[in-house]
């Protein structure tokens, strides 16, 4: 998305299945990647259930990561995730409430930025229930779900509206997504409105701005 607008970010990822802030911290390899390299932003996401069932671990090890990111002269960005799909097709309200509380508490404590992906999912499914964001397992994202998450990240990191971004994307010849233009516009609009709502309130901040 950023490439299509001439922003040309240099992006690297360190991830592992079901990994948590704690397991990444104890593993040590992710910390090695931060040392000696200047990162503008480091996006941090805990294992999906940990902020719900063990928020104290998210707070403890999320705090360690935020400190580590700042030591590398970067800005920590917390990816606020979505809860599992409930019977009505939206993120489970109790899970989403817990995710919101934990990530926003961590953001306030560490003066970190927030990427409100889970809030965008909740808003999208309430306004447009016909859009399938979940895969059949009720947890992982479909192509549309990943696209919505990417729009939120774009808005969060660059402070720009995602409206007008391409509906079809590829990277190095690999197809990433191919959505109908009208569907992409809906997802872009939800992402823009969600970010605007969060960043204009005292609940969250964009990278480069002070948290509450």
N, C-alpha and C. Protein backbone atom coordinates (compact mmCIF):
# COMPACT_ATOMS: atom_id res chain seq x y z
N UNK A 1 0.82 -1.20 0.00
CA UNK A 1 0.00 0.00 0.00
C UNK A 1 0.86 1.25 0.00
N UNK A 2 1.85 1.26 0.89
CA UNK A 2 2.72 2.43 0.98
C UNK A 2 3.52 2.62 -0.30
N UNK A 3 3.97 1.52 -0.89
CA UNK A 3 4.74 1.61 -2.13
C UNK A 3 3.94 2.30 -3.24
N UNK A 4 2.63 2.02 -3.30
CA UNK A 4 1.81 2.61 -4.36
C UNK A 4 1.68 4.11 -4.22
N UNK A 5 1.96 4.62 -3.03
CA UNK A 5 1.89 6.06 -2.79
C UNK A 5 3.28 6.69 -2.72
N UNK A 6 4.29 5.92 -3.10
CA UNK A 6 5.65 6.45 -3.14
C UNK A 6 6.32 6.60 -1.80
N UNK A 7 5.80 5.92 -0.77
CA UNK A 7 6.37 6.07 0.57
C UNK A 7 7.57 5.16 0.81
N UNK A 8 7.61 4.01 0.13
CA UNK A 8 8.77 3.11 0.10
C UNK A 8 9.33 2.75 1.48
N UNK A 9 8.55 2.16 2.35
CA UNK A 9 9.09 1.76 3.65
C UNK A 9 9.98 0.53 3.53
N UNK A 10 10.92 0.41 4.43
CA UNK A 10 11.77 -0.79 4.52
C UNK A 10 11.20 -1.62 5.67
N UNK A 11 10.54 -2.73 5.35
CA UNK A 11 9.78 -3.49 6.34
C UNK A 11 10.43 -4.84 6.61
N UNK A 12 10.55 -5.18 7.89
CA UNK A 12 11.05 -6.48 8.31
C UNK A 12 10.09 -7.06 9.36
N UNK A 13 10.00 -8.38 9.39
CA UNK A 13 9.09 -9.02 10.34
C UNK A 13 9.80 -10.11 11.11
N UNK A 14 9.49 -10.18 12.41
CA UNK A 14 9.97 -11.29 13.24
C UNK A 14 8.74 -11.88 13.91
N UNK A 15 8.36 -13.08 13.52
CA UNK A 15 7.12 -13.68 14.03
C UNK A 15 7.29 -15.18 14.14
N UNK A 16 6.44 -15.78 14.98
CA UNK A 16 6.42 -17.23 15.15
C UNK A 16 5.02 -17.62 15.57
N UNK A 17 4.54 -18.80 15.20
CA UNK A 17 3.18 -19.22 15.55
C UNK A 17 2.94 -19.19 17.06
N UNK A 18 1.84 -18.56 17.45
CA UNK A 18 1.40 -18.51 18.85
C UNK A 18 2.42 -17.88 19.80
N UNK A 19 3.36 -17.12 19.26
CA UNK A 19 4.37 -16.49 20.11
C UNK A 19 3.77 -15.32 20.89
N UNK A 20 4.31 -15.09 22.06
CA UNK A 20 3.85 -14.00 22.92
C UNK A 20 4.97 -13.00 23.13
N UNK A 21 4.64 -11.86 23.74
CA UNK A 21 5.68 -10.91 24.13
C UNK A 21 6.73 -11.63 24.99
N UNK A 22 6.26 -12.45 25.91
CA UNK A 22 7.17 -13.13 26.83
C UNK A 22 8.07 -14.12 26.10
N UNK A 23 7.50 -14.93 25.21
CA UNK A 23 8.33 -15.93 24.53
C UNK A 23 9.34 -15.27 23.60
N UNK A 24 8.93 -14.19 22.93
CA UNK A 24 9.89 -13.46 22.08
C UNK A 24 11.00 -12.86 22.94
N UNK A 25 10.63 -12.33 24.10
CA UNK A 25 11.63 -11.72 24.97
C UNK A 25 12.64 -12.76 25.44
N UNK A 26 12.13 -13.90 25.86
CA UNK A 26 13.01 -14.95 26.37
C UNK A 26 13.84 -15.59 25.28
N UNK A 27 13.31 -15.61 24.06
CA UNK A 27 14.03 -16.20 22.92
C UNK A 27 15.28 -15.40 22.57
N UNK A 28 15.16 -14.08 22.60
CA UNK A 28 16.33 -13.23 22.40
C UNK A 28 16.60 -12.80 20.97
N UNK A 29 16.11 -13.55 19.98
CA UNK A 29 16.44 -13.22 18.59
C UNK A 29 15.82 -11.90 18.14
N UNK A 30 14.60 -11.62 18.60
CA UNK A 30 13.97 -10.37 18.22
C UNK A 30 14.72 -9.17 18.80
N UNK A 31 15.21 -9.34 20.04
CA UNK A 31 15.98 -8.25 20.64
C UNK A 31 17.27 -7.99 19.86
N UNK A 32 17.87 -9.06 19.35
CA UNK A 32 19.09 -8.89 18.55
C UNK A 32 18.82 -8.06 17.30
N UNK A 33 17.63 -8.23 16.72
CA UNK A 33 17.30 -7.46 15.52
C UNK A 33 17.14 -5.98 15.81
N UNK A 34 16.78 -5.64 17.05
CA UNK A 34 16.62 -4.24 17.41
C UNK A 34 17.96 -3.56 17.69
N UNK A 35 18.91 -4.33 18.14
CA UNK A 35 20.19 -3.77 18.53
C UNK A 35 21.03 -3.40 17.32
N UNK A 36 21.54 -2.20 17.33
CA UNK A 36 22.43 -1.77 16.26
C UNK A 36 21.73 -1.33 14.99
N UNK A 37 20.38 -1.30 14.99
CA UNK A 37 19.63 -0.87 13.81
C UNK A 37 18.65 0.21 14.22
N UNK A 38 18.56 1.25 13.42
CA UNK A 38 17.64 2.35 13.71
C UNK A 38 16.29 2.07 13.05
N UNK A 39 15.27 1.82 13.86
CA UNK A 39 13.92 1.59 13.36
C UNK A 39 13.05 2.80 13.68
N UNK A 40 12.28 3.26 12.70
CA UNK A 40 11.35 4.36 12.97
C UNK A 40 10.19 3.86 13.84
N UNK A 41 9.59 2.74 13.44
CA UNK A 41 8.46 2.16 14.16
C UNK A 41 8.69 0.68 14.35
N UNK A 42 8.27 0.17 15.49
CA UNK A 42 8.26 -1.27 15.73
C UNK A 42 6.86 -1.64 16.18
N UNK A 43 6.20 -2.47 15.38
CA UNK A 43 4.82 -2.88 15.67
C UNK A 43 4.86 -4.10 16.58
N UNK A 44 4.17 -4.01 17.71
CA UNK A 44 4.19 -5.05 18.72
C UNK A 44 2.80 -5.67 18.86
N UNK A 45 2.74 -7.00 18.79
CA UNK A 45 1.47 -7.70 18.97
C UNK A 45 1.69 -8.91 19.85
N UNK A 46 0.96 -8.98 20.95
CA UNK A 46 1.05 -10.14 21.83
C UNK A 46 0.26 -11.31 21.25
N UNK A 47 0.51 -12.52 21.77
CA UNK A 47 -0.31 -13.66 21.38
C UNK A 47 -1.77 -13.32 21.63
N UNK A 48 -2.68 -13.73 20.76
CA UNK A 48 -4.03 -13.19 20.72
C UNK A 48 -4.80 -13.32 22.03
N UNK A 49 -4.59 -14.41 22.79
CA UNK A 49 -5.37 -14.62 24.01
C UNK A 49 -4.72 -14.03 25.26
N UNK A 50 -3.42 -13.78 25.22
CA UNK A 50 -2.71 -13.36 26.43
C UNK A 50 -3.26 -12.08 27.05
N UNK A 51 -3.57 -11.03 26.26
CA UNK A 51 -4.11 -9.82 26.89
C UNK A 51 -5.46 -10.05 27.57
N UNK A 52 -6.13 -11.15 27.21
CA UNK A 52 -7.43 -11.47 27.79
C UNK A 52 -7.28 -12.31 29.04
N UNK A 53 -6.48 -13.38 28.95
CA UNK A 53 -6.39 -14.34 30.07
C UNK A 53 -5.26 -14.02 31.04
N UNK A 54 -4.26 -13.27 30.60
CA UNK A 54 -3.13 -12.93 31.47
C UNK A 54 -2.65 -11.52 31.16
N UNK A 55 -3.50 -10.51 31.38
CA UNK A 55 -3.12 -9.14 31.03
C UNK A 55 -1.87 -8.66 31.75
N UNK A 56 -1.61 -9.22 32.92
CA UNK A 56 -0.41 -8.80 33.66
C UNK A 56 0.86 -9.17 32.90
N UNK A 57 0.83 -10.28 32.13
CA UNK A 57 2.01 -10.66 31.34
C UNK A 57 2.17 -9.74 30.14
N UNK A 58 1.04 -9.36 29.54
CA UNK A 58 1.11 -8.40 28.44
C UNK A 58 1.69 -7.08 28.94
N UNK A 59 1.26 -6.64 30.10
CA UNK A 59 1.76 -5.38 30.65
C UNK A 59 3.24 -5.48 30.98
N UNK A 60 3.64 -6.57 31.61
CA UNK A 60 5.04 -6.71 32.01
C UNK A 60 5.98 -6.79 30.81
N UNK A 61 5.70 -7.74 29.91
CA UNK A 61 6.63 -7.94 28.80
C UNK A 61 6.41 -6.93 27.68
N UNK A 62 5.18 -6.43 27.55
CA UNK A 62 4.96 -5.33 26.62
C UNK A 62 5.75 -4.11 27.03
N UNK A 63 5.81 -3.87 28.35
CA UNK A 63 6.61 -2.76 28.85
C UNK A 63 8.09 -2.93 28.54
N UNK A 64 8.58 -4.16 28.69
CA UNK A 64 9.98 -4.43 28.36
C UNK A 64 10.25 -4.14 26.88
N UNK A 65 9.31 -4.56 26.01
CA UNK A 65 9.51 -4.34 24.59
C UNK A 65 9.47 -2.86 24.24
N UNK A 66 8.55 -2.13 24.83
CA UNK A 66 8.48 -0.69 24.56
C UNK A 66 9.78 0.00 24.95
N UNK A 67 10.33 -0.39 26.09
CA UNK A 67 11.61 0.18 26.53
C UNK A 67 12.73 -0.18 25.56
N UNK A 68 12.72 -1.43 25.09
CA UNK A 68 13.74 -1.88 24.14
C UNK A 68 13.64 -1.12 22.82
N UNK A 69 12.42 -0.89 22.37
CA UNK A 69 12.21 -0.15 21.11
C UNK A 69 12.73 1.27 21.25
N UNK A 70 12.43 1.91 22.36
CA UNK A 70 12.91 3.28 22.56
C UNK A 70 14.42 3.33 22.66
N UNK A 71 15.02 2.31 23.26
CA UNK A 71 16.48 2.26 23.34
C UNK A 71 17.09 2.19 21.95
N UNK A 72 16.33 1.65 21.00
CA UNK A 72 16.79 1.58 19.61
C UNK A 72 16.33 2.79 18.80
N UNK A 73 15.87 3.84 19.52
CA UNK A 73 15.45 5.11 18.91
C UNK A 73 14.20 4.95 18.05
N UNK A 74 13.37 3.95 18.36
CA UNK A 74 12.15 3.74 17.60
C UNK A 74 10.90 4.11 18.40
N UNK A 75 9.77 4.10 17.71
CA UNK A 75 8.48 4.34 18.34
C UNK A 75 7.71 3.03 18.42
N UNK A 76 7.31 2.58 19.63
CA UNK A 76 6.52 1.36 19.74
C UNK A 76 5.08 1.61 19.32
N UNK A 77 4.56 0.70 18.49
CA UNK A 77 3.18 0.78 18.02
C UNK A 77 2.48 -0.52 18.40
N UNK A 78 1.47 -0.43 19.23
CA UNK A 78 0.76 -1.62 19.71
C UNK A 78 -0.38 -1.95 18.76
N UNK A 79 -0.37 -3.17 18.22
CA UNK A 79 -1.45 -3.61 17.35
C UNK A 79 -2.56 -4.21 18.21
N UNK A 80 -3.61 -3.44 18.39
CA UNK A 80 -4.77 -3.87 19.16
C UNK A 80 -5.57 -4.85 18.30
N UNK A 81 -5.59 -6.11 18.68
CA UNK A 81 -6.15 -7.15 17.83
C UNK A 81 -7.65 -7.33 18.07
N UNK A 82 -8.25 -8.30 17.37
CA UNK A 82 -9.68 -8.58 17.46
C UNK A 82 -9.93 -9.85 18.27
N UNK A 83 -11.10 -9.92 18.88
CA UNK A 83 -11.48 -11.12 19.61
C UNK A 83 -12.00 -12.20 18.68
N UNK A 84 -12.19 -13.38 19.20
CA UNK A 84 -12.74 -14.48 18.42
C UNK A 84 -14.19 -14.18 18.06
N UNK A 85 -14.61 -14.74 16.94
CA UNK A 85 -15.97 -14.52 16.44
C UNK A 85 -16.99 -15.15 17.37
N UNK A 86 -18.03 -14.37 17.73
CA UNK A 86 -19.07 -14.94 18.58
C UNK A 86 -20.25 -15.41 17.73
N UNK A 87 -21.32 -15.84 18.37
CA UNK A 87 -22.45 -16.42 17.65
C UNK A 87 -23.13 -15.43 16.72
N UNK A 88 -23.01 -14.14 17.01
CA UNK A 88 -23.65 -13.13 16.17
C UNK A 88 -22.76 -12.65 15.04
N UNK A 89 -21.54 -13.17 14.98
CA UNK A 89 -20.65 -12.84 13.86
C UNK A 89 -19.69 -11.70 14.10
N UNK A 90 -19.71 -11.12 15.29
CA UNK A 90 -18.79 -10.02 15.61
C UNK A 90 -17.78 -10.50 16.63
N UNK A 91 -16.70 -9.72 16.87
CA UNK A 91 -15.75 -10.11 17.92
C UNK A 91 -16.46 -10.27 19.26
N UNK A 92 -16.14 -11.35 19.97
CA UNK A 92 -16.75 -11.60 21.26
C UNK A 92 -16.64 -10.34 22.14
N UNK A 93 -17.77 -9.79 22.63
CA UNK A 93 -17.73 -8.51 23.34
C UNK A 93 -16.81 -8.52 24.56
N UNK A 94 -16.82 -9.60 25.33
CA UNK A 94 -15.98 -9.64 26.52
C UNK A 94 -14.50 -9.71 26.16
N UNK A 95 -14.18 -10.50 25.13
CA UNK A 95 -12.79 -10.56 24.69
C UNK A 95 -12.34 -9.21 24.15
N UNK A 96 -13.19 -8.59 23.34
CA UNK A 96 -12.79 -7.31 22.74
C UNK A 96 -12.63 -6.24 23.81
N UNK A 97 -13.48 -6.27 24.80
CA UNK A 97 -13.36 -5.32 25.91
C UNK A 97 -12.05 -5.51 26.65
N UNK A 98 -11.69 -6.78 26.88
CA UNK A 98 -10.44 -7.07 27.59
C UNK A 98 -9.22 -6.67 26.74
N UNK A 99 -9.26 -6.97 25.45
CA UNK A 99 -8.17 -6.58 24.55
C UNK A 99 -8.00 -5.06 24.54
N UNK A 100 -9.10 -4.36 24.43
CA UNK A 100 -9.06 -2.90 24.41
C UNK A 100 -8.45 -2.36 25.69
N UNK A 101 -8.92 -2.88 26.82
CA UNK A 101 -8.44 -2.38 28.11
C UNK A 101 -6.95 -2.63 28.29
N UNK A 102 -6.49 -3.84 27.96
CA UNK A 102 -5.08 -4.17 28.17
C UNK A 102 -4.17 -3.36 27.28
N UNK A 103 -4.50 -3.30 25.99
CA UNK A 103 -3.62 -2.56 25.07
C UNK A 103 -3.63 -1.06 25.36
N UNK A 104 -4.79 -0.50 25.69
CA UNK A 104 -4.81 0.93 26.00
C UNK A 104 -4.12 1.24 27.31
N UNK A 105 -4.24 0.34 28.29
CA UNK A 105 -3.50 0.52 29.54
C UNK A 105 -2.00 0.51 29.28
N UNK A 106 -1.56 -0.43 28.44
CA UNK A 106 -0.13 -0.51 28.11
C UNK A 106 0.31 0.75 27.36
N UNK A 107 -0.53 1.21 26.44
CA UNK A 107 -0.19 2.42 25.68
C UNK A 107 -0.05 3.63 26.59
N UNK A 108 -0.97 3.76 27.54
CA UNK A 108 -0.90 4.89 28.46
C UNK A 108 0.35 4.82 29.33
N UNK A 109 0.62 3.64 29.85
CA UNK A 109 1.76 3.48 30.75
C UNK A 109 3.08 3.73 30.02
N UNK A 110 3.18 3.25 28.78
CA UNK A 110 4.45 3.32 28.06
C UNK A 110 4.51 4.46 27.04
N UNK A 111 3.45 5.26 26.97
CA UNK A 111 3.39 6.35 25.97
C UNK A 111 3.62 5.78 24.56
N UNK A 112 2.98 4.66 24.28
CA UNK A 112 3.10 4.01 22.98
C UNK A 112 1.93 4.40 22.10
N UNK A 113 2.11 4.27 20.80
CA UNK A 113 1.03 4.49 19.84
C UNK A 113 0.18 3.22 19.74
N UNK A 114 -1.04 3.38 19.25
CA UNK A 114 -1.97 2.26 19.11
C UNK A 114 -2.48 2.18 17.69
N UNK A 115 -2.46 0.98 17.11
CA UNK A 115 -3.09 0.71 15.82
C UNK A 115 -4.40 -0.02 16.12
N UNK A 116 -5.56 0.64 15.98
CA UNK A 116 -6.83 0.09 16.47
C UNK A 116 -7.48 -0.92 15.52
N UNK A 117 -6.76 -1.97 15.19
CA UNK A 117 -7.27 -2.95 14.22
C UNK A 117 -8.52 -3.65 14.75
N UNK A 118 -8.50 -4.10 16.00
CA UNK A 118 -9.65 -4.79 16.56
C UNK A 118 -10.89 -3.91 16.62
N UNK A 119 -10.70 -2.63 16.91
CA UNK A 119 -11.84 -1.70 16.92
C UNK A 119 -12.41 -1.57 15.52
N UNK A 120 -11.55 -1.51 14.52
CA UNK A 120 -12.00 -1.42 13.13
C UNK A 120 -12.79 -2.66 12.72
N UNK A 121 -12.31 -3.83 13.16
CA UNK A 121 -13.06 -5.07 12.87
C UNK A 121 -14.45 -4.99 13.48
N UNK A 122 -14.53 -4.58 14.73
CA UNK A 122 -15.81 -4.49 15.42
C UNK A 122 -16.73 -3.51 14.70
N UNK A 123 -16.21 -2.35 14.33
CA UNK A 123 -17.00 -1.35 13.62
C UNK A 123 -17.48 -1.87 12.27
N UNK A 124 -16.60 -2.54 11.56
CA UNK A 124 -16.94 -3.04 10.22
C UNK A 124 -18.04 -4.09 10.29
N UNK A 125 -17.92 -5.04 11.21
CA UNK A 125 -18.89 -6.13 11.28
C UNK A 125 -20.25 -5.65 11.79
N UNK A 126 -20.27 -4.59 12.56
CA UNK A 126 -21.54 -4.03 13.01
C UNK A 126 -22.22 -3.25 11.89
N UNK A 127 -21.43 -2.54 11.10
CA UNK A 127 -22.00 -1.72 10.03
C UNK A 127 -22.23 -2.52 8.76
N UNK A 128 -21.36 -3.48 8.51
CA UNK A 128 -21.41 -4.25 7.26
C UNK A 128 -21.30 -5.74 7.57
N UNK A 129 -22.34 -6.33 8.15
CA UNK A 129 -22.26 -7.74 8.57
C UNK A 129 -22.07 -8.72 7.43
N UNK A 130 -22.31 -8.28 6.21
CA UNK A 130 -22.13 -9.17 5.06
C UNK A 130 -20.69 -9.36 4.64
N UNK A 131 -19.78 -8.57 5.19
CA UNK A 131 -18.36 -8.70 4.85
C UNK A 131 -17.72 -9.72 5.78
N UNK A 132 -17.17 -10.77 5.21
CA UNK A 132 -16.55 -11.84 6.00
C UNK A 132 -15.11 -11.46 6.32
N UNK A 133 -14.85 -11.14 7.57
CA UNK A 133 -13.49 -10.83 8.01
C UNK A 133 -12.80 -12.05 8.60
N UNK A 134 -13.59 -13.01 9.11
CA UNK A 134 -13.04 -14.21 9.74
C UNK A 134 -13.00 -15.38 8.76
N UNK A 135 -11.96 -16.19 8.89
CA UNK A 135 -11.95 -17.49 8.25
C UNK A 135 -12.90 -18.41 9.01
N UNK A 136 -13.04 -19.65 8.52
CA UNK A 136 -13.99 -20.59 9.11
C UNK A 136 -13.69 -20.91 10.56
N UNK A 137 -12.43 -20.73 10.99
CA UNK A 137 -12.07 -21.04 12.38
C UNK A 137 -12.55 -19.97 13.37
N UNK A 138 -13.10 -18.88 12.85
CA UNK A 138 -13.61 -17.83 13.72
C UNK A 138 -12.55 -17.02 14.41
N UNK A 139 -11.33 -17.07 13.89
CA UNK A 139 -10.23 -16.35 14.55
C UNK A 139 -9.30 -15.67 13.55
N UNK A 140 -8.82 -16.42 12.56
CA UNK A 140 -7.87 -15.86 11.62
C UNK A 140 -8.57 -15.04 10.52
N UNK A 141 -7.85 -14.09 9.92
CA UNK A 141 -8.49 -13.18 8.97
C UNK A 141 -8.61 -13.75 7.56
N UNK A 142 -9.68 -13.36 6.90
CA UNK A 142 -9.81 -13.59 5.46
C UNK A 142 -8.98 -12.53 4.73
N UNK A 143 -9.05 -12.56 3.42
CA UNK A 143 -8.37 -11.53 2.62
C UNK A 143 -8.90 -10.15 2.98
N UNK A 144 -10.22 -10.04 3.15
CA UNK A 144 -10.81 -8.75 3.52
C UNK A 144 -10.37 -8.33 4.92
N UNK A 145 -10.26 -9.29 5.83
CA UNK A 145 -9.81 -8.97 7.19
C UNK A 145 -8.39 -8.47 7.21
N UNK A 146 -7.53 -9.11 6.43
CA UNK A 146 -6.14 -8.66 6.35
C UNK A 146 -6.05 -7.29 5.69
N UNK A 147 -6.89 -7.07 4.69
CA UNK A 147 -6.88 -5.77 4.01
C UNK A 147 -7.30 -4.66 4.97
N UNK A 148 -8.33 -4.91 5.78
CA UNK A 148 -8.77 -3.92 6.75
C UNK A 148 -7.66 -3.63 7.76
N UNK A 149 -7.00 -4.69 8.23
CA UNK A 149 -5.90 -4.50 9.18
C UNK A 149 -4.79 -3.65 8.55
N UNK A 150 -4.49 -3.93 7.28
CA UNK A 150 -3.43 -3.18 6.59
C UNK A 150 -3.81 -1.71 6.43
N UNK A 151 -5.09 -1.45 6.15
CA UNK A 151 -5.55 -0.06 6.03
C UNK A 151 -5.37 0.69 7.35
N UNK A 152 -5.68 0.02 8.46
CA UNK A 152 -5.51 0.64 9.77
C UNK A 152 -4.03 0.93 10.03
N UNK A 153 -3.15 -0.03 9.69
CA UNK A 153 -1.73 0.18 9.89
C UNK A 153 -1.22 1.34 9.04
N UNK A 154 -1.69 1.42 7.79
CA UNK A 154 -1.30 2.50 6.89
C UNK A 154 -1.68 3.85 7.51
N UNK A 155 -2.91 3.95 7.97
CA UNK A 155 -3.40 5.19 8.56
C UNK A 155 -2.63 5.54 9.83
N UNK A 156 -2.34 4.52 10.64
CA UNK A 156 -1.65 4.73 11.91
C UNK A 156 -0.21 5.20 11.70
N UNK A 157 0.51 4.52 10.83
CA UNK A 157 1.94 4.81 10.66
C UNK A 157 2.20 6.09 9.89
N UNK A 158 1.40 6.34 8.85
CA UNK A 158 1.69 7.47 7.96
C UNK A 158 0.80 8.68 8.21
N UNK A 159 -0.25 8.51 9.04
CA UNK A 159 -1.14 9.63 9.30
C UNK A 159 -1.90 10.08 8.08
N UNK A 160 -2.12 9.15 7.14
CA UNK A 160 -2.81 9.47 5.88
C UNK A 160 -4.06 8.62 5.75
N UNK A 161 -5.06 9.16 5.07
CA UNK A 161 -6.29 8.40 4.82
C UNK A 161 -6.00 7.25 3.86
N UNK A 162 -6.55 6.06 4.12
CA UNK A 162 -6.37 4.95 3.20
C UNK A 162 -7.31 5.01 1.99
N UNK A 163 -8.21 5.99 1.97
CA UNK A 163 -9.12 6.09 0.83
C UNK A 163 -8.34 6.28 -0.47
N UNK A 164 -8.69 5.48 -1.47
CA UNK A 164 -8.01 5.57 -2.75
C UNK A 164 -6.88 4.58 -2.93
N UNK A 165 -6.56 3.81 -1.89
CA UNK A 165 -5.54 2.78 -2.05
C UNK A 165 -6.04 1.68 -2.99
N UNK A 166 -5.14 0.99 -3.67
CA UNK A 166 -5.56 -0.05 -4.61
C UNK A 166 -6.30 -1.19 -3.92
N UNK A 167 -7.25 -1.77 -4.64
CA UNK A 167 -7.97 -2.94 -4.14
C UNK A 167 -7.24 -4.23 -4.46
N UNK A 168 -6.32 -4.14 -5.41
CA UNK A 168 -5.53 -5.31 -5.81
C UNK A 168 -4.06 -5.01 -5.55
N UNK A 169 -3.41 -5.88 -4.81
CA UNK A 169 -2.03 -5.64 -4.42
C UNK A 169 -1.19 -6.90 -4.63
N UNK A 170 0.06 -6.69 -5.01
CA UNK A 170 1.01 -7.81 -5.12
C UNK A 170 2.36 -7.30 -4.64
N UNK A 171 3.22 -8.24 -4.28
CA UNK A 171 4.57 -7.90 -3.83
C UNK A 171 5.54 -8.89 -4.43
N UNK A 172 6.49 -8.37 -5.20
CA UNK A 172 7.50 -9.21 -5.85
C UNK A 172 6.85 -10.34 -6.64
N UNK A 173 5.77 -9.99 -7.32
CA UNK A 173 5.11 -10.96 -8.17
C UNK A 173 4.13 -11.88 -7.47
N UNK A 174 4.01 -11.75 -6.16
CA UNK A 174 3.10 -12.59 -5.38
C UNK A 174 1.82 -11.82 -5.10
N UNK A 175 0.68 -12.41 -5.45
CA UNK A 175 -0.60 -11.77 -5.21
C UNK A 175 -0.89 -11.70 -3.71
N UNK A 176 -1.19 -10.50 -3.24
CA UNK A 176 -1.54 -10.31 -1.84
C UNK A 176 -3.05 -10.27 -1.64
N UNK A 177 -3.73 -9.53 -2.49
CA UNK A 177 -5.18 -9.45 -2.39
C UNK A 177 -5.75 -8.95 -3.71
N UNK A 178 -7.01 -9.30 -3.92
CA UNK A 178 -7.73 -8.85 -5.11
C UNK A 178 -9.20 -8.70 -4.73
N UNK A 179 -9.54 -7.52 -4.22
CA UNK A 179 -10.88 -7.26 -3.74
C UNK A 179 -11.65 -6.43 -4.76
N UNK A 180 -12.97 -6.57 -4.80
CA UNK A 180 -13.77 -5.64 -5.61
C UNK A 180 -13.55 -4.22 -5.12
N UNK A 181 -13.55 -3.26 -6.04
CA UNK A 181 -13.26 -1.87 -5.68
C UNK A 181 -14.22 -1.33 -4.64
N UNK A 182 -15.51 -1.68 -4.75
CA UNK A 182 -16.46 -1.16 -3.78
C UNK A 182 -16.24 -1.75 -2.39
N UNK A 183 -15.83 -3.02 -2.33
CA UNK A 183 -15.54 -3.65 -1.05
C UNK A 183 -14.30 -3.01 -0.40
N UNK A 184 -13.29 -2.77 -1.21
CA UNK A 184 -12.07 -2.13 -0.69
C UNK A 184 -12.38 -0.74 -0.15
N UNK A 185 -13.25 -0.01 -0.85
CA UNK A 185 -13.59 1.35 -0.39
C UNK A 185 -14.29 1.31 0.96
N UNK A 186 -15.16 0.34 1.17
CA UNK A 186 -15.83 0.20 2.46
C UNK A 186 -14.80 -0.03 3.57
N UNK A 187 -13.87 -0.93 3.32
CA UNK A 187 -12.85 -1.25 4.33
C UNK A 187 -11.93 -0.06 4.58
N UNK A 188 -11.59 0.67 3.53
CA UNK A 188 -10.77 1.87 3.69
C UNK A 188 -11.49 2.91 4.55
N UNK A 189 -12.79 3.07 4.30
CA UNK A 189 -13.58 4.06 5.03
C UNK A 189 -13.69 3.70 6.51
N UNK A 190 -13.93 2.43 6.79
CA UNK A 190 -14.00 1.99 8.19
C UNK A 190 -12.67 2.24 8.89
N UNK A 191 -11.57 1.91 8.22
CA UNK A 191 -10.25 2.13 8.82
C UNK A 191 -10.01 3.61 9.09
N UNK A 192 -10.33 4.45 8.12
CA UNK A 192 -10.14 5.90 8.29
C UNK A 192 -10.97 6.42 9.46
N UNK A 193 -12.24 6.04 9.50
CA UNK A 193 -13.13 6.55 10.55
C UNK A 193 -12.70 6.05 11.93
N UNK A 194 -12.26 4.80 12.01
CA UNK A 194 -11.83 4.24 13.29
C UNK A 194 -10.59 4.96 13.80
N UNK A 195 -9.62 5.15 12.93
CA UNK A 195 -8.39 5.84 13.34
C UNK A 195 -8.68 7.29 13.72
N UNK A 196 -9.53 7.93 12.95
CA UNK A 196 -9.86 9.33 13.25
C UNK A 196 -10.52 9.44 14.61
N UNK A 197 -11.42 8.50 14.92
CA UNK A 197 -12.11 8.52 16.20
C UNK A 197 -11.15 8.30 17.35
N UNK A 198 -10.26 7.31 17.22
CA UNK A 198 -9.34 7.00 18.31
C UNK A 198 -8.32 8.11 18.50
N UNK A 199 -7.73 8.58 17.40
CA UNK A 199 -6.64 9.54 17.51
C UNK A 199 -7.12 10.94 17.91
N UNK A 200 -8.41 11.20 17.72
CA UNK A 200 -8.93 12.51 18.12
C UNK A 200 -9.40 12.52 19.56
N UNK A 201 -9.42 11.31 20.18
CA UNK A 201 -9.82 11.20 21.57
C UNK A 201 -8.58 11.11 22.45
N UNK A 202 -8.80 10.96 23.74
CA UNK A 202 -7.68 10.81 24.67
C UNK A 202 -7.29 9.36 24.84
N UNK A 203 -7.92 8.45 24.06
CA UNK A 203 -7.71 7.02 24.27
C UNK A 203 -6.46 6.49 23.60
N UNK A 204 -5.98 7.18 22.58
CA UNK A 204 -4.84 6.62 21.86
C UNK A 204 -4.07 7.70 21.15
N UNK A 205 -2.98 7.32 20.49
CA UNK A 205 -2.17 8.30 19.80
C UNK A 205 -1.56 7.70 18.56
N UNK A 206 -1.24 8.59 17.62
CA UNK A 206 -0.52 8.19 16.43
C UNK A 206 0.97 8.20 16.71
N UNK A 207 1.75 7.44 15.97
CA UNK A 207 3.20 7.49 16.17
C UNK A 207 3.72 8.91 16.08
N UNK A 208 4.62 9.22 16.99
CA UNK A 208 5.20 10.55 17.00
C UNK A 208 4.45 11.55 17.87
N UNK A 209 3.29 11.09 18.42
CA UNK A 209 2.57 11.97 19.33
C UNK A 209 2.57 11.36 20.71
N UNK A 210 2.43 12.17 21.71
CA UNK A 210 2.47 11.67 23.08
C UNK A 210 1.14 11.02 23.45
N UNK A 211 1.21 9.91 24.11
CA UNK A 211 -0.01 9.27 24.61
C UNK A 211 -0.49 10.01 25.85
N UNK A 212 -1.70 9.67 26.31
CA UNK A 212 -2.25 10.36 27.47
C UNK A 212 -1.50 10.01 28.75
